[in-house]
Amino acid sequence: MQEDVTNPLCISGPTLGITFDYNFTIERSGFYSINGVSLAVPNHELYVIDSDLPTWRPIMRRTLNSFNCLSLANKLLDPNYQTACLDNGTYVGTR
């Protein structure tokens, strides 16, 4: 699952899109594994639902790092951009 969404109202300067790239593995046994990378802005959440339950259950919640992560200038000029603005994660569990 990949996404790269830009905000059309951000016209004051070049900005990056809100991006994520996750790979999902879901097995019949109920085991799931999710790994990937996302930009650390805004808040991101992943949910799972069991087929016989009425509600979704959160399996990952990551809070906002900084809106500076959306700045193209920061990406090009800040040597710490990769570690400060990209969130690599693996989430495993059983539904």
C-alpha atoms as a PDB file:
ATOM      1  CA  MET A   1       0.000   0.000   0.000  1.00  0.00           C
ATOM      2  CA  GLN A   2       1.551   3.266  -1.129  1.00  0.00           C
ATOM      3  CA  GLU A   3       0.396   6.847  -0.944  1.00  0.00           C
ATOM      4  CA  ASP A   4       1.824  10.267  -1.753  1.00  0.00           C
ATOM      5  CA  VAL A   5      -0.699  13.035  -1.142  1.00  0.00           C
ATOM      6  CA  THR A   6       0.132  16.718  -1.479  1.00  0.00           C
ATOM      7  CA  ASN A   7      -1.893  19.557  -0.045  1.00  0.00           C
ATOM      8  CA  PRO A   8      -3.092  21.829  -2.869  1.00  0.00           C
ATOM      9  CA  LEU A   9      -3.455  24.686  -0.360  1.00  0.00           C
ATOM     10  CA  CYS A  10       0.293  24.717   0.373  1.00  0.00           C
ATOM     11  CA  ILE A  11       1.238  27.180  -2.350  1.00  0.00           C
ATOM     12  CA  SER A  12       3.709  29.316  -0.386  1.00  0.00           C
ATOM     13  CA  GLY A  13       6.629  27.085  -1.370  1.00  0.00           C
ATOM     14  CA  PRO A  14       7.530  23.630  -2.626  1.00  0.00           C
ATOM     15  CA  THR A  15       6.308  20.985  -0.201  1.00  0.00           C
ATOM     16  CA  LEU A  16       6.498  17.238  -0.057  1.00  0.00           C
ATOM     17  CA  GLY A  17       3.499  14.969  -0.019  1.00  0.00           C
ATOM     18  CA  ILE A  18       2.366  12.948   2.965  1.00  0.00           C
ATOM     19  CA  THR A  19       3.800   9.567   2.053  1.00  0.00           C
ATOM     20  CA  PHE A  20       3.825   5.997   3.248  1.00  0.00           C
ATOM     21  CA  ASP A  21       4.773   2.642   1.768  1.00  0.00           C
ATOM     22  CA  TYR A  22       3.668  -0.423   3.756  1.00  0.00           C
ATOM     23  CA  ASN A  23       3.744  -4.129   2.920  1.00  0.00           C
ATOM     24  CA  PHE A  24       1.082  -6.291   4.558  1.00  0.00           C
ATOM     25  CA  THR A  25       1.058 -10.030   5.171  1.00  0.00           C
ATOM     26  CA  ILE A  26      -2.121 -11.484   6.627  1.00  0.00           C
ATOM     27  CA  GLU A  27      -2.471 -15.216   7.191  1.00  0.00           C
ATOM     28  CA  ARG A  28      -5.584 -17.339   7.737  1.00  0.00           C
ATOM     29  CA  SER A  29      -4.295 -18.219  11.187  1.00  0.00           C
ATOM     30  CA  GLY A  30      -4.777 -14.569  12.192  1.00  0.00           C
ATOM     31  CA  PHE A  31      -1.084 -13.649  12.146  1.00  0.00           C
ATOM     32  CA  TYR A  32      -0.274 -10.338  10.507  1.00  0.00           C
ATOM     33  CA  SER A  33       2.965  -8.562   9.668  1.00  0.00           C
ATOM     34  CA  ILE A  34       3.255  -5.016   8.426  1.00  0.00           C
ATOM     35  CA  ASN A  35       6.498  -3.290   7.559  1.00  0.00           C
ATOM     36  CA  GLY A  36       7.401  -0.164   5.723  1.00  0.00           C
ATOM     37  CA  VAL A  37       8.264   3.493   5.908  1.00  0.00           C
ATOM     38  CA  SER A  38       6.243   6.662   6.325  1.00  0.00           C
ATOM     39  CA  LEU A  39       6.933  10.340   6.570  1.00  0.00           C
ATOM     40  CA  ALA A  40       6.779  11.293  10.250  1.00  0.00           C
ATOM     41  CA  VAL A  41       4.001  13.823   9.686  1.00  0.00           C
ATOM     42  CA  PRO A  42       1.060  13.949  10.367  1.00  0.00           C
ATOM     43  CA  ASN A  43      -0.141  11.346  12.885  1.00  0.00           C
ATOM     44  CA  HIS A  44      -0.373   7.863  11.342  1.00  0.00           C
ATOM     45  CA  GLU A  45      -2.434   4.924  12.521  1.00  0.00           C
ATOM     46  CA  LEU A  46      -2.943   1.354  11.319  1.00  0.00           C
ATOM     47  CA  TYR A  47      -5.961  -0.719  12.324  1.00  0.00           C
ATOM     48  CA  VAL A  48      -7.036  -4.353  11.987  1.00  0.00           C
ATOM     49  CA  ILE A  49     -10.477  -5.875  12.247  1.00  0.00           C
ATOM     50  CA  ASP A  50     -11.439  -9.495  12.832  1.00  0.00           C
ATOM     51  CA  SER A  51     -14.155 -10.731  10.480  1.00  0.00           C
ATOM     52  CA  ASP A  52     -16.472 -11.634  13.367  1.00  0.00           C
ATOM     53  CA  LEU A  53     -16.009  -8.437  15.417  1.00  0.00           C
ATOM     54  CA  PRO A  54     -17.785  -5.093  14.821  1.00  0.00           C
ATOM     55  CA  THR A  55     -14.901  -2.760  15.720  1.00  0.00           C
ATOM     56  CA  TRP A  56     -11.425  -1.952  14.405  1.00  0.00           C
ATOM     57  CA  ARG A  57      -8.424  -2.358  16.744  1.00  0.00           C
ATOM     58  CA  PRO A  58      -5.344  -0.088  16.509  1.00  0.00           C
ATOM     59  CA  ILE A  59      -2.059  -1.903  15.910  1.00  0.00           C
ATOM     60  CA  MET A  60       0.164   1.146  15.344  1.00  0.00           C
ATOM     61  CA  ARG A  61      -0.098   4.793  16.351  1.00  0.00           C
ATOM     62  CA  ARG A  62       2.687   7.211  15.598  1.00  0.00           C
ATOM     63  CA  THR A  63       2.453  10.822  16.647  1.00  0.00           C
ATOM     64  CA  LEU A  64       3.450  13.860  14.653  1.00  0.00           C
ATOM     65  CA  ASN A  65       7.154  14.643  14.544  1.00  0.00           C
ATOM     66  CA  SER A  66       7.299  18.063  12.866  1.00  0.00           C
ATOM     67  CA  PHE A  67       5.624  19.768   9.942  1.00  0.00           C
ATOM     68  CA  ASN A  68       9.160  20.745   8.882  1.00  0.00           C
ATOM     69  CA  CYS A  69       9.305  17.220   7.477  1.00  0.00           C
ATOM     70  CA  LEU A  70       7.010  18.426   4.670  1.00  0.00           C
ATOM     71  CA  SER A  71       9.538  21.038   3.561  1.00  0.00           C
ATOM     72  CA  LEU A  72      11.412  20.234   0.373  1.00  0.00           C
ATOM     73  CA  ALA A  73      14.214  22.565   1.511  1.00  0.00           C
ATOM     74  CA  ASN A  74      14.644  20.538   4.724  1.00  0.00           C
ATOM     75  CA  LYS A  75      14.815  17.315   2.743  1.00  0.00           C
ATOM     76  CA  LEU A  76      17.507  18.732   0.471  1.00  0.00           C
ATOM     77  CA  LEU A  77      19.558  20.649   3.048  1.00  0.00           C
ATOM     78  CA  ASP A  78      19.161  18.953   6.448  1.00  0.00           C
ATOM     79  CA  PRO A  79      21.678  16.102   6.903  1.00  0.00           C
ATOM     80  CA  ASN A  80      19.453  14.624   9.654  1.00  0.00           C
ATOM     81  CA  TYR A  81      16.305  14.532   7.502  1.00  0.00           C
ATOM     82  CA  GLN A  82      16.346  10.740   6.981  1.00  0.00           C
ATOM     83  CA  THR A  83      16.557   9.905  10.681  1.00  0.00           C
ATOM     84  CA  ALA A  84      14.317  12.761  11.863  1.00  0.00           C
ATOM     85  CA  CYS A  85      11.541  12.565   9.286  1.00  0.00           C
ATOM     86  CA  LEU A  86      11.266   8.968   8.073  1.00  0.00           C
ATOM     87  CA  ASP A  87       9.688   6.336  10.284  1.00  0.00           C
ATOM     88  CA  ASN A  88      10.684   2.740   9.503  1.00  0.00           C
ATOM     89  CA  GLY A  89       8.624   0.210  11.347  1.00  0.00           C
ATOM     90  CA  THR A  90       7.568  -3.415  11.589  1.00  0.00           C
ATOM     91  CA  TYR A  91       4.382  -4.392  13.377  1.00  0.00           C
ATOM     92  CA  VAL A  92       3.416  -8.010  13.997  1.00  0.00           C
ATOM     93  CA  GLY A  93       0.656  -9.648  15.938  1.00  0.00           C
ATOM     94  CA  THR A  94      -2.367 -11.912  15.891  1.00  0.00           C
ATOM     95  CA  ARG A  95      -5.900 -10.728  15.413  1.00  0.00           C
END
